[in-house]
Amino acid sequence: AFIKMVIEAMGYDLEHGKDYWAENYIN
């Protein structure tokens, strides 16, 4: 969740992952 917040705060708009919601944010 923290990684998602930082990625979003940096201006990235990513889709949730298919198998694990945070996989795209982590990648």
mmCIF file of all heavy atoms, coordinates in Angstrom:
data_MODEL
# 
_entry.id   MODEL 
# 
loop_
_atom_site.group_PDB 
_atom_site.id 
_atom_site.type_symbol 
_atom_site.label_atom_id 
_atom_site.label_alt_id 
_atom_site.label_comp_id 
_atom_site.label_asym_id 
_atom_site.label_entity_id 
_atom_site.label_seq_id 
_atom_site.pdbx_PDB_ins_code 
_atom_site.Cartn_x 
_atom_site.Cartn_y 
_atom_site.Cartn_z 
_atom_site.occupancy 
_atom_site.B_iso_or_equiv 
_atom_site.pdbx_formal_charge 
_atom_site.auth_seq_id 
_atom_site.auth_comp_id 
_atom_site.auth_asym_id 
_atom_site.auth_atom_id 
_atom_site.pdbx_PDB_model_num 
ATOM 1   N N   . ALA A 1 1  ? 0.829  -1.206  0.000   1.00 0.00 ? 1  ALA A N   1 
ATOM 2   C CA  . ALA A 1 1  ? 0.000  0.000   0.000   1.00 0.00 ? 1  ALA A CA  1 
ATOM 3   C C   . ALA A 1 1  ? 0.868  1.263   0.000   1.00 0.00 ? 1  ALA A C   1 
ATOM 4   O O   . ALA A 1 1  ? 0.559  2.237   -0.692  1.00 0.00 ? 1  ALA A O   1 
ATOM 5   C CB  . ALA A 1 1  ? -0.937 -0.004  1.201   1.00 0.00 ? 1  ALA A CB  1 
ATOM 6   N N   . PHE A 1 2  ? 1.947  1.257   0.764   1.00 0.00 ? 2  PHE A N   1 
ATOM 7   C CA  . PHE A 1 2  ? 2.826  2.426   0.795   1.00 0.00 ? 2  PHE A CA  1 
ATOM 8   C C   . PHE A 1 2  ? 3.484  2.638   -0.562  1.00 0.00 ? 2  PHE A C   1 
ATOM 9   O O   . PHE A 1 2  ? 3.560  3.770   -1.052  1.00 0.00 ? 2  PHE A O   1 
ATOM 10  C CB  . PHE A 1 2  ? 3.892  2.299   1.887   1.00 0.00 ? 2  PHE A CB  1 
ATOM 11  C CG  . PHE A 1 2  ? 4.721  3.542   2.009   1.00 0.00 ? 2  PHE A CG  1 
ATOM 12  C CD1 . PHE A 1 2  ? 4.218  4.657   2.653   1.00 0.00 ? 2  PHE A CD1 1 
ATOM 13  C CD2 . PHE A 1 2  ? 5.993  3.605   1.466   1.00 0.00 ? 2  PHE A CD2 1 
ATOM 14  C CE1 . PHE A 1 2  ? 4.966  5.821   2.747   1.00 0.00 ? 2  PHE A CE1 1 
ATOM 15  C CE2 . PHE A 1 2  ? 6.753  4.753   1.552   1.00 0.00 ? 2  PHE A CE2 1 
ATOM 16  C CZ  . PHE A 1 2  ? 6.238  5.874   2.200   1.00 0.00 ? 2  PHE A CZ  1 
ATOM 17  N N   . ILE A 1 3  ? 3.932  1.555   -1.176  1.00 0.00 ? 3  ILE A N   1 
ATOM 18  C CA  . ILE A 1 3  ? 4.544  1.665   -2.501  1.00 0.00 ? 3  ILE A CA  1 
ATOM 19  C C   . ILE A 1 3  ? 3.537  2.238   -3.492  1.00 0.00 ? 3  ILE A C   1 
ATOM 20  O O   . ILE A 1 3  ? 3.854  3.121   -4.286  1.00 0.00 ? 3  ILE A O   1 
ATOM 21  C CB  . ILE A 1 3  ? 5.093  0.300   -2.958  1.00 0.00 ? 3  ILE A CB  1 
ATOM 22  C CG1 . ILE A 1 3  ? 6.337  -0.048  -2.125  1.00 0.00 ? 3  ILE A CG1 1 
ATOM 23  C CG2 . ILE A 1 3  ? 5.402  0.298   -4.454  1.00 0.00 ? 3  ILE A CG2 1 
ATOM 24  C CD1 . ILE A 1 3  ? 6.822  -1.475  -2.277  1.00 0.00 ? 3  ILE A CD1 1 
ATOM 25  N N   . LYS A 1 4  ? 2.295  1.777   -3.427  1.00 0.00 ? 4  LYS A N   1 
ATOM 26  C CA  . LYS A 1 4  ? 1.250  2.319   -4.307  1.00 0.00 ? 4  LYS A CA  1 
ATOM 27  C C   . LYS A 1 4  ? 1.080  3.809   -4.074  1.00 0.00 ? 4  LYS A C   1 
ATOM 28  O O   . LYS A 1 4  ? 0.988  4.594   -5.022  1.00 0.00 ? 4  LYS A O   1 
ATOM 29  C CB  . LYS A 1 4  ? -0.076 1.607   -4.082  1.00 0.00 ? 4  LYS A CB  1 
ATOM 30  C CG  . LYS A 1 4  ? -1.198 2.161   -4.959  1.00 0.00 ? 4  LYS A CG  1 
ATOM 31  C CD  . LYS A 1 4  ? -2.553 2.039   -4.287  1.00 0.00 ? 4  LYS A CD  1 
ATOM 32  C CE  . LYS A 1 4  ? -3.658 2.561   -5.165  1.00 0.00 ? 4  LYS A CE  1 
ATOM 33  N NZ  . LYS A 1 4  ? -4.080 3.913   -4.820  1.00 0.00 ? 4  LYS A NZ  1 
ATOM 34  N N   . MET A 1 5  ? 1.055  4.241   -2.808  1.00 0.00 ? 5  MET A N   1 
ATOM 35  C CA  . MET A 1 5  ? 0.867  5.664   -2.515  1.00 0.00 ? 5  MET A CA  1 
ATOM 36  C C   . MET A 1 5  ? 2.001  6.511   -3.090  1.00 0.00 ? 5  MET A C   1 
ATOM 37  O O   . MET A 1 5  ? 1.754  7.585   -3.643  1.00 0.00 ? 5  MET A O   1 
ATOM 38  C CB  . MET A 1 5  ? 0.757  5.890   -1.006  1.00 0.00 ? 5  MET A CB  1 
ATOM 39  C CG  . MET A 1 5  ? -0.542 5.397   -0.415  1.00 0.00 ? 5  MET A CG  1 
ATOM 40  S SD  . MET A 1 5  ? -0.785 5.879   1.307   1.00 0.00 ? 5  MET A SD  1 
ATOM 41  C CE  . MET A 1 5  ? 0.420  4.871   2.137   1.00 0.00 ? 5  MET A CE  1 
ATOM 42  N N   . VAL A 1 6  ? 3.225  6.040   -2.969  1.00 0.00 ? 6  VAL A N   1 
ATOM 43  C CA  . VAL A 1 6  ? 4.365  6.799   -3.489  1.00 0.00 ? 6  VAL A CA  1 
ATOM 44  C C   . VAL A 1 6  ? 4.299  6.864   -5.009  1.00 0.00 ? 6  VAL A C   1 
ATOM 45  O O   . VAL A 1 6  ? 4.491  7.939   -5.605  1.00 0.00 ? 6  VAL A O   1 
ATOM 46  C CB  . VAL A 1 6  ? 5.702  6.203   -3.004  1.00 0.00 ? 6  VAL A CB  1 
ATOM 47  C CG1 . VAL A 1 6  ? 6.882  6.858   -3.702  1.00 0.00 ? 6  VAL A CG1 1 
ATOM 48  C CG2 . VAL A 1 6  ? 5.831  6.356   -1.492  1.00 0.00 ? 6  VAL A CG2 1 
ATOM 49  N N   . ILE A 1 7  ? 4.008  5.741   -5.652  1.00 0.00 ? 7  ILE A N   1 
ATOM 50  C CA  . ILE A 1 7  ? 3.905  5.718   -7.115  1.00 0.00 ? 7  ILE A CA  1 
ATOM 51  C C   . ILE A 1 7  ? 2.807  6.669   -7.578  1.00 0.00 ? 7  ILE A C   1 
ATOM 52  O O   . ILE A 1 7  ? 2.987  7.440   -8.519  1.00 0.00 ? 7  ILE A O   1 
ATOM 53  C CB  . ILE A 1 7  ? 3.652  4.274   -7.627  1.00 0.00 ? 7  ILE A CB  1 
ATOM 54  C CG1 . ILE A 1 7  ? 4.848  3.370   -7.327  1.00 0.00 ? 7  ILE A CG1 1 
ATOM 55  C CG2 . ILE A 1 7  ? 3.288  4.265   -9.103  1.00 0.00 ? 7  ILE A CG2 1 
ATOM 56  C CD1 . ILE A 1 7  ? 6.122  3.719   -8.056  1.00 0.00 ? 7  ILE A CD1 1 
ATOM 57  N N   . GLU A 1 8  ? 1.667  6.654   -6.907  1.00 0.00 ? 8  GLU A N   1 
ATOM 58  C CA  . GLU A 1 8  ? 0.569  7.563   -7.247  1.00 0.00 ? 8  GLU A CA  1 
ATOM 59  C C   . GLU A 1 8  ? 0.967  9.010   -7.008  1.00 0.00 ? 8  GLU A C   1 
ATOM 60  O O   . GLU A 1 8  ? 0.670  9.892   -7.823  1.00 0.00 ? 8  GLU A O   1 
ATOM 61  C CB  . GLU A 1 8  ? -0.684 7.219   -6.425  1.00 0.00 ? 8  GLU A CB  1 
ATOM 62  C CG  . GLU A 1 8  ? -1.278 5.865   -6.712  1.00 0.00 ? 8  GLU A CG  1 
ATOM 63  C CD  . GLU A 1 8  ? -2.215 5.844   -7.904  1.00 0.00 ? 8  GLU A CD  1 
ATOM 64  O OE1 . GLU A 1 8  ? -2.714 6.910   -8.305  1.00 0.00 ? 8  GLU A OE1 1 
ATOM 65  O OE2 . GLU A 1 8  ? -2.445 4.744   -8.432  1.00 0.00 ? 8  GLU A OE2 1 
ATOM 66  N N   . ALA A 1 9  ? 1.651  9.302   -5.895  1.00 0.00 ? 9  ALA A N   1 
ATOM 67  C CA  . ALA A 1 9  ? 2.079  10.663  -5.586  1.00 0.00 ? 9  ALA A CA  1 
ATOM 68  C C   . ALA A 1 9  ? 3.086  11.179  -6.623  1.00 0.00 ? 9  ALA A C   1 
ATOM 69  O O   . ALA A 1 9  ? 3.171  12.382  -6.859  1.00 0.00 ? 9  ALA A O   1 
ATOM 70  C CB  . ALA A 1 9  ? 2.688  10.722  -4.187  1.00 0.00 ? 9  ALA A CB  1 
ATOM 71  N N   . MET A 1 10 ? 3.821  10.264  -7.235  1.00 0.00 ? 10 MET A N   1 
ATOM 72  C CA  . MET A 1 10 ? 4.783  10.650  -8.272  1.00 0.00 ? 10 MET A CA  1 
ATOM 73  C C   . MET A 1 10 ? 4.101  10.887  -9.619  1.00 0.00 ? 10 MET A C   1 
ATOM 74  O O   . MET A 1 10 ? 4.757  11.260  -10.582 1.00 0.00 ? 10 MET A O   1 
ATOM 75  C CB  . MET A 1 10 ? 5.866  9.574   -8.398  1.00 0.00 ? 10 MET A CB  1 
ATOM 76  C CG  . MET A 1 10 ? 6.768  9.485   -7.190  1.00 0.00 ? 10 MET A CG  1 
ATOM 77  S SD  . MET A 1 10 ? 7.972  8.140   -7.299  1.00 0.00 ? 10 MET A SD  1 
ATOM 78  C CE  . MET A 1 10 ? 9.059  8.768   -8.586  1.00 0.00 ? 10 MET A CE  1 
ATOM 79  N N   . GLY A 1 11 ? 2.799  10.656  -9.693  1.00 0.00 ? 11 GLY A N   1 
ATOM 80  C CA  . GLY A 1 11 ? 2.051  10.961  -10.902 1.00 0.00 ? 11 GLY A CA  1 
ATOM 81  C C   . GLY A 1 11 ? 1.775  9.791   -11.824 1.00 0.00 ? 11 GLY A C   1 
ATOM 82  O O   . GLY A 1 11 ? 1.234  9.966   -12.914 1.00 0.00 ? 11 GLY A O   1 
ATOM 83  N N   . TYR A 1 12 ? 2.104  8.591   -11.394 1.00 0.00 ? 12 TYR A N   1 
ATOM 84  C CA  . TYR A 1 12 ? 1.848  7.412   -12.223 1.00 0.00 ? 12 TYR A CA  1 
ATOM 85  C C   . TYR A 1 12 ? 0.438  6.912   -11.962 1.00 0.00 ? 12 TYR A C   1 
ATOM 86  O O   . TYR A 1 12 ? -0.019 6.868   -10.825 1.00 0.00 ? 12 TYR A O   1 
ATOM 87  C CB  . TYR A 1 12 ? 2.859  6.303   -11.918 1.00 0.00 ? 12 TYR A CB  1 
ATOM 88  C CG  . TYR A 1 12 ? 4.260  6.665   -12.335 1.00 0.00 ? 12 TYR A CG  1 
ATOM 89  C CD1 . TYR A 1 12 ? 5.113  7.329   -11.461 1.00 0.00 ? 12 TYR A CD1 1 
ATOM 90  C CD2 . TYR A 1 12 ? 4.722  6.362   -13.606 1.00 0.00 ? 12 TYR A CD2 1 
ATOM 91  C CE1 . TYR A 1 12 ? 6.399  7.676   -11.845 1.00 0.00 ? 12 TYR A CE1 1 
ATOM 92  C CE2 . TYR A 1 12 ? 6.002  6.702   -13.994 1.00 0.00 ? 12 TYR A CE2 1 
ATOM 93  C CZ  . TYR A 1 12 ? 6.838  7.359   -13.111 1.00 0.00 ? 12 TYR A CZ  1 
ATOM 94  O OH  . TYR A 1 12 ? 8.104  7.705   -13.488 1.00 0.00 ? 12 TYR A OH  1 
ATOM 95  N N   . ASP A 1 13 ? -0.245 6.524   -13.018 1.00 0.00 ? 13 ASP A N   1 
ATOM 96  C CA  . ASP A 1 13 ? -1.610 6.010   -12.928 1.00 0.00 ? 13 ASP A CA  1 
ATOM 97  C C   . ASP A 1 13 ? -1.601 4.598   -13.492 1.00 0.00 ? 13 ASP A C   1 
ATOM 98  O O   . ASP A 1 13 ? -1.677 4.410   -14.704 1.00 0.00 ? 13 ASP A O   1 
ATOM 99  C CB  . ASP A 1 13 ? -2.563 6.910   -13.710 1.00 0.00 ? 13 ASP A CB  1 
ATOM 100 C CG  . ASP A 1 13 ? -4.007 6.515   -13.546 1.00 0.00 ? 13 ASP A CG  1 
ATOM 101 O OD1 . ASP A 1 13 ? -4.341 5.864   -12.536 1.00 0.00 ? 13 ASP A OD1 1 
ATOM 102 O OD2 . ASP A 1 13 ? -4.813 6.855   -14.433 1.00 0.00 ? 13 ASP A OD2 1 
ATOM 103 N N   . LEU A 1 14 ? -1.480 3.624   -12.614 1.00 0.00 ? 14 LEU A N   1 
ATOM 104 C CA  . LEU A 1 14 ? -1.331 2.237   -13.044 1.00 0.00 ? 14 LEU A CA  1 
ATOM 105 C C   . LEU A 1 14 ? -2.596 1.438   -12.782 1.00 0.00 ? 14 LEU A C   1 
ATOM 106 O O   . LEU A 1 14 ? -3.361 1.741   -11.866 1.00 0.00 ? 14 LEU A O   1 
ATOM 107 C CB  . LEU A 1 14 ? -0.159 1.581   -12.301 1.00 0.00 ? 14 LEU A CB  1 
ATOM 108 C CG  . LEU A 1 14 ? 1.197  2.274   -12.425 1.00 0.00 ? 14 LEU A CG  1 
ATOM 109 C CD1 . LEU A 1 14 ? 2.233  1.530   -11.586 1.00 0.00 ? 14 LEU A CD1 1 
ATOM 110 C CD2 . LEU A 1 14 ? 1.638  2.355   -13.870 1.00 0.00 ? 14 LEU A CD2 1 
ATOM 111 N N   . GLU A 1 15 ? -2.774 0.414   -13.558 1.00 0.00 ? 15 GLU A N   1 
ATOM 112 C CA  . GLU A 1 15 ? -3.866 -0.538  -13.351 1.00 0.00 ? 15 GLU A CA  1 
ATOM 113 C C   . GLU A 1 15 ? -3.465 -1.508  -12.240 1.00 0.00 ? 15 GLU A C   1 
ATOM 114 O O   . GLU A 1 15 ? -2.284 -1.810  -12.065 1.00 0.00 ? 15 GLU A O   1 
ATOM 115 C CB  . GLU A 1 15 ? -4.117 -1.340  -14.633 1.00 0.00 ? 15 GLU A CB  1 
ATOM 116 C CG  . GLU A 1 15 ? -4.522 -0.513  -15.818 1.00 0.00 ? 15 GLU A CG  1 
ATOM 117 C CD  . GLU A 1 15 ? -5.989 -0.141  -15.776 1.00 0.00 ? 15 GLU A CD  1 
ATOM 118 O OE1 . GLU A 1 15 ? -6.790 -0.944  -15.260 1.00 0.00 ? 15 GLU A OE1 1 
ATOM 119 O OE2 . GLU A 1 15 ? -6.321 0.952   -16.251 1.00 0.00 ? 15 GLU A OE2 1 
ATOM 120 N N   . HIS A 1 16 ? -4.448 -2.026  -11.514 1.00 0.00 ? 16 HIS A N   1 
ATOM 121 C CA  . HIS A 1 16 ? -4.167 -3.093  -10.563 1.00 0.00 ? 16 HIS A CA  1 
ATOM 122 C C   . HIS A 1 16 ? -3.732 -4.337  -11.324 1.00 0.00 ? 16 HIS A C   1 
ATOM 123 O O   . HIS A 1 16 ? -4.181 -4.576  -12.453 1.00 0.00 ? 16 HIS A O   1 
ATOM 124 C CB  . HIS A 1 16 ? -5.401 -3.414  -9.719  1.00 0.00 ? 16 HIS A CB  1 
ATOM 125 C CG  . HIS A 1 16 ? -5.703 -2.392  -8.681  1.00 0.00 ? 16 HIS A CG  1 
ATOM 126 N ND1 . HIS A 1 16 ? -4.887 -2.156  -7.607  1.00 0.00 ? 16 HIS A ND1 1 
ATOM 127 C CD2 . HIS A 1 16 ? -6.735 -1.532  -8.544  1.00 0.00 ? 16 HIS A CD2 1 
ATOM 128 C CE1 . HIS A 1 16 ? -5.395 -1.205  -6.849  1.00 0.00 ? 16 HIS A CE1 1 
ATOM 129 N NE2 . HIS A 1 16 ? -6.518 -0.798  -7.405  1.00 0.00 ? 16 HIS A NE2 1 
ATOM 130 N N   . GLY A 1 17 ? -2.872 -5.132  -10.700 1.00 0.00 ? 17 GLY A N   1 
ATOM 131 C CA  . GLY A 1 17 ? -2.414 -6.367  -11.311 1.00 0.00 ? 17 GLY A CA  1 
ATOM 132 C C   . GLY A 1 17 ? -3.525 -7.402  -11.394 1.00 0.00 ? 17 GLY A C   1 
ATOM 133 O O   . GLY A 1 17 ? -4.510 -7.336  -10.649 1.00 0.00 ? 17 GLY A O   1 
ATOM 134 N N   . LYS A 1 18 ? -3.356 -8.357  -12.274 1.00 0.00 ? 18 LYS A N   1 
ATOM 135 C CA  . LYS A 1 18 ? -4.377 -9.394  -12.452 1.00 0.00 ? 18 LYS A CA  1 
ATOM 136 C C   . LYS A 1 18 ? -4.344 -10.432 -11.339 1.00 0.00 ? 18 LYS A C   1 
ATOM 137 O O   . LYS A 1 18 ? -5.381 -10.810 -10.807 1.00 0.00 ? 18 LYS A O   1 
ATOM 138 C CB  . LYS A 1 18 ? -4.189 -10.071 -13.810 1.00 0.00 ? 18 LYS A CB  1 
ATOM 139 C CG  . LYS A 1 18 ? -4.505 -9.148  -14.954 1.00 0.00 ? 18 LYS A CG  1 
ATOM 140 C CD  . LYS A 1 18 ? -4.276 -9.813  -16.284 1.00 0.00 ? 18 LYS A CD  1 
ATOM 141 C CE  . LYS A 1 18 ? -4.591 -8.805  -17.381 1.00 0.00 ? 18 LYS A CE  1 
ATOM 142 N NZ  . LYS A 1 18 ? -3.876 -9.028  -18.590 1.00 0.00 ? 18 LYS A NZ  1 
ATOM 143 N N   . ASP A 1 19 ? -3.155 -10.900 -10.987 1.00 0.00 ? 19 ASP A N   1 
ATOM 144 C CA  . ASP A 1 19 ? -3.033 -11.935 -9.959  1.00 0.00 ? 19 ASP A CA  1 
ATOM 145 C C   . ASP A 1 19 ? -2.890 -11.346 -8.555  1.00 0.00 ? 19 ASP A C   1 
ATOM 146 O O   . ASP A 1 19 ? -3.317 -11.957 -7.580  1.00 0.00 ? 19 ASP A O   1 
ATOM 147 C CB  . ASP A 1 19 ? -1.835 -12.843 -10.260 1.00 0.00 ? 19 ASP A CB  1 
ATOM 148 C CG  . ASP A 1 19 ? -2.018 -13.614 -11.554 1.00 0.00 ? 19 ASP A CG  1 
ATOM 149 O OD1 . ASP A 1 19 ? -3.161 -13.995 -11.856 1.00 0.00 ? 19 ASP A OD1 1 
ATOM 150 O OD2 . ASP A 1 19 ? -1.006 -13.824 -12.253 1.00 0.00 ? 19 ASP A OD2 1 
ATOM 151 N N   . TYR A 1 20 ? -2.272 -10.196 -8.486  1.00 0.00 ? 20 TYR A N   1 
ATOM 152 C CA  . TYR A 1 20 ? -2.022 -9.532  -7.192  1.00 0.00 ? 20 TYR A CA  1 
ATOM 153 C C   . TYR A 1 20 ? -2.157 -8.040  -7.433  1.00 0.00 ? 20 TYR A C   1 
ATOM 154 O O   . TYR A 1 20 ? -1.457 -7.470  -8.282  1.00 0.00 ? 20 TYR A O   1 
ATOM 155 C CB  . TYR A 1 20 ? -0.623 -9.916  -6.703  1.00 0.00 ? 20 TYR A CB  1 
ATOM 156 C CG  . TYR A 1 20 ? -0.077 -9.140  -5.528  1.00 0.00 ? 20 TYR A CG  1 
ATOM 157 C CD1 . TYR A 1 20 ? -0.841 -8.889  -4.395  1.00 0.00 ? 20 TYR A CD1 1 
ATOM 158 C CD2 . TYR A 1 20 ? 1.229  -8.676  -5.553  1.00 0.00 ? 20 TYR A CD2 1 
ATOM 159 C CE1 . TYR A 1 20 ? -0.320 -8.190  -3.322  1.00 0.00 ? 20 TYR A CE1 1 
ATOM 160 C CE2 . TYR A 1 20 ? 1.763  -7.984  -4.479  1.00 0.00 ? 20 TYR A CE2 1 
ATOM 161 C CZ  . TYR A 1 20 ? 0.980  -7.738  -3.377  1.00 0.00 ? 20 TYR A CZ  1 
ATOM 162 O OH  . TYR A 1 20 ? 1.496  -7.037  -2.315  1.00 0.00 ? 20 TYR A OH  1 
ATOM 163 N N   . TRP A 1 21 ? -3.042 -7.395  -6.723  1.00 0.00 ? 21 TRP A N   1 
ATOM 164 C CA  . TRP A 1 21 ? -3.398 -6.018  -7.028  1.00 0.00 ? 21 TRP A CA  1 
ATOM 165 C C   . TRP A 1 21 ? -2.194 -5.083  -7.109  1.00 0.00 ? 21 TRP A C   1 
ATOM 166 O O   . TRP A 1 21 ? -2.170 -4.139  -7.889  1.00 0.00 ? 21 TRP A O   1 
ATOM 167 C CB  . TRP A 1 21 ? -4.416 -5.480  -6.020  1.00 0.00 ? 21 TRP A CB  1 
ATOM 168 C CG  . TRP A 1 21 ? -3.839 -5.170  -4.665  1.00 0.00 ? 21 TRP A CG  1 
ATOM 169 C CD1 . TRP A 1 21 ? -3.769 -5.999  -3.589  1.00 0.00 ? 21 TRP A CD1 1 
ATOM 170 C CD2 . TRP A 1 21 ? -3.214 -3.951  -4.265  1.00 0.00 ? 21 TRP A CD2 1 
ATOM 171 N NE1 . TRP A 1 21 ? -3.145 -5.373  -2.546  1.00 0.00 ? 21 TRP A NE1 1 
ATOM 172 C CE2 . TRP A 1 21 ? -2.799 -4.101  -2.923  1.00 0.00 ? 21 TRP A CE2 1 
ATOM 173 C CE3 . TRP A 1 21 ? -2.972 -2.736  -4.892  1.00 0.00 ? 21 TRP A CE3 1 
ATOM 174 C CZ2 . TRP A 1 21 ? -2.158 -3.101  -2.211  1.00 0.00 ? 21 TRP A CZ2 1 
ATOM 175 C CZ3 . TRP A 1 21 ? -2.333 -1.729  -4.186  1.00 0.00 ? 21 TRP A CZ3 1 
ATOM 176 C CH2 . TRP A 1 21 ? -1.933 -1.921  -2.857  1.00 0.00 ? 21 TRP A CH2 1 
ATOM 177 N N   . ALA A 1 22 ? -1.136 -5.324  -6.319  1.00 0.00 ? 22 ALA A N   1 
ATOM 178 C CA  . ALA A 1 22 ? -0.014 -4.381  -6.243  1.00 0.00 ? 22 ALA A CA  1 
ATOM 179 C C   . ALA A 1 22 ? 1.140  -4.702  -7.178  1.00 0.00 ? 22 ALA A C   1 
ATOM 180 O O   . ALA A 1 22 ? 2.122  -3.968  -7.210  1.00 0.00 ? 22 ALA A O   1 
ATOM 181 C CB  . ALA A 1 22 ? 0.496  -4.316  -4.809  1.00 0.00 ? 22 ALA A CB  1 
ATOM 182 N N   . GLU A 1 23 ? 1.041  -5.765  -7.970  1.00 0.00 ? 23 GLU A N   1 
ATOM 183 C CA  . GLU A 1 23 ? 2.198  -6.177  -8.767  1.00 0.00 ? 23 GLU A CA  1 
ATOM 184 C C   . GLU A 1 23 ? 2.686  -5.085  -9.716  1.00 0.00 ? 23 GLU A C   1 
ATOM 185 O O   . GLU A 1 23 ? 3.898  -4.898  -9.872  1.00 0.00 ? 23 GLU A O   1 
ATOM 186 C CB  . GLU A 1 23 ? 1.923  -7.483  -9.512  1.00 0.00 ? 23 GLU A CB  1 
ATOM 187 C CG  . GLU A 1 23 ? 0.893  -7.390  -10.619 1.00 0.00 ? 23 GLU A CG  1 
ATOM 188 C CD  . GLU A 1 23 ? 0.598  -8.742  -11.258 1.00 0.00 ? 23 GLU A CD  1 
ATOM 189 O OE1 . GLU A 1 23 ? 1.540  -9.484  -11.565 1.00 0.00 ? 23 GLU A OE1 1 
ATOM 190 O OE2 . GLU A 1 23 ? -0.589 -9.038  -11.427 1.00 0.00 ? 23 GLU A OE2 1 
ATOM 191 N N   . ASN A 1 24 ? 1.803  -4.335  -10.346 1.00 0.00 ? 24 ASN A N   1 
ATOM 192 C CA  . ASN A 1 24 ? 2.238  -3.281  -11.269 1.00 0.00 ? 24 ASN A CA  1 
ATOM 193 C C   . ASN A 1 24 ? 2.925  -2.128  -10.536 1.00 0.00 ? 24 ASN A C   1 
ATOM 194 O O   . ASN A 1 24 ? 3.873  -1.539  -11.041 1.00 0.00 ? 24 ASN A O   1 
ATOM 195 C CB  . ASN A 1 24 ? 1.064  -2.774  -12.099 1.00 0.00 ? 24 ASN A CB  1 
ATOM 196 C CG  . ASN A 1 24 ? 0.545  -3.833  -13.044 1.00 0.00 ? 24 ASN A CG  1 
ATOM 197 O OD1 . ASN A 1 24 ? 1.261  -4.748  -13.431 1.00 0.00 ? 24 ASN A OD1 1 
ATOM 198 N ND2 . ASN A 1 24 ? -0.720 -3.735  -13.413 1.00 0.00 ? 24 ASN A ND2 1 
ATOM 199 N N   . TYR A 1 25 ? 2.443  -1.810  -9.349  1.00 0.00 ? 25 TYR A N   1 
ATOM 200 C CA  . TYR A 1 25 ? 3.066  -0.751  -8.546  1.00 0.00 ? 25 TYR A CA  1 
ATOM 201 C C   . TYR A 1 25 ? 4.460  -1.183  -8.082  1.00 0.00 ? 25 TYR A C   1 
ATOM 202 O O   . TYR A 1 25 ? 5.406  -0.397  -8.108  1.00 0.00 ? 25 TYR A O   1 
ATOM 203 C CB  . TYR A 1 25 ? 2.189  -0.401  -7.345  1.00 0.00 ? 25 TYR A CB  1 
ATOM 204 C CG  . TYR A 1 25 ? 0.837  0.120   -7.739  1.00 0.00 ? 25 TYR A CG  1 
ATOM 205 C CD1 . TYR A 1 25 ? -0.278 -0.710  -7.750  1.00 0.00 ? 25 TYR A CD1 1 
ATOM 206 C CD2 . TYR A 1 25 ? 0.670  1.451   -8.124  1.00 0.00 ? 25 TYR A CD2 1 
ATOM 207 C CE1 . TYR A 1 25 ? -1.524 -0.233  -8.121  1.00 0.00 ? 25 TYR A CE1 1 
ATOM 208 C CE2 . TYR A 1 25 ? -0.570 1.936   -8.499  1.00 0.00 ? 25 TYR A CE2 1 
ATOM 209 C CZ  . TYR A 1 25 ? -1.653 1.094   -8.498  1.00 0.00 ? 25 TYR A CZ  1 
ATOM 210 O OH  . TYR A 1 25 ? -2.885 1.561   -8.873  1.00 0.00 ? 25 TYR A OH  1 
ATOM 211 N N   . ILE A 1 26 ? 4.566  -2.417  -7.659  1.00 0.00 ? 26 ILE A N   1 
ATOM 212 C CA  . ILE A 1 26 ? 5.858  -2.941  -7.204  1.00 0.00 ? 26 ILE A CA  1 
ATOM 213 C C   . ILE A 1 26 ? 6.845  -2.999  -8.367  1.00 0.00 ? 26 ILE A C   1 
ATOM 214 O O   . ILE A 1 26 ? 8.002  -2.576  -8.225  1.00 0.00 ? 26 ILE A O   1 
ATOM 215 C CB  . ILE A 1 26 ? 5.674  -4.326  -6.537  1.00 0.00 ? 26 ILE A CB  1 
ATOM 216 C CG1 . ILE A 1 26 ? 4.899  -4.160  -5.233  1.00 0.00 ? 26 ILE A CG1 1 
ATOM 217 C CG2 . ILE A 1 26 ? 7.014  -5.007  -6.320  1.00 0.00 ? 26 ILE A CG2 1 
ATOM 218 C CD1 . ILE A 1 26 ? 4.366  -5.449  -4.648  1.00 0.00 ? 26 ILE A CD1 1 
ATOM 219 N N   . ASN A 1 27 ? 6.389  -3.470  -9.516  1.00 0.00 ? 27 ASN A N   1 
ATOM 220 C CA  . ASN A 1 27 ? 7.260  -3.511  -10.690 1.00 0.00 ? 27 ASN A CA  1 
ATOM 221 C C   . ASN A 1 27 ? 7.726  -2.113  -11.082 1.00 0.00 ? 27 ASN A C   1 
ATOM 222 O O   . ASN A 1 27 ? 8.887  -1.918  -11.449 1.00 0.00 ? 27 ASN A O   1 
ATOM 223 C CB  . ASN A 1 27 ? 6.560  -4.187  -11.869 1.00 0.00 ? 27 ASN A CB  1 
ATOM 224 C CG  . ASN A 1 27 ? 6.341  -5.671  -11.636 1.00 0.00 ? 27 ASN A CG  1 
ATOM 225 O OD1 . ASN A 1 27 ? 7.029  -6.295  -10.831 1.00 0.00 ? 27 ASN A OD1 1 
ATOM 226 N ND2 . ASN A 1 27 ? 5.365  -6.237  -12.321 1.00 0.00 ? 27 ASN A ND2 1 
# 
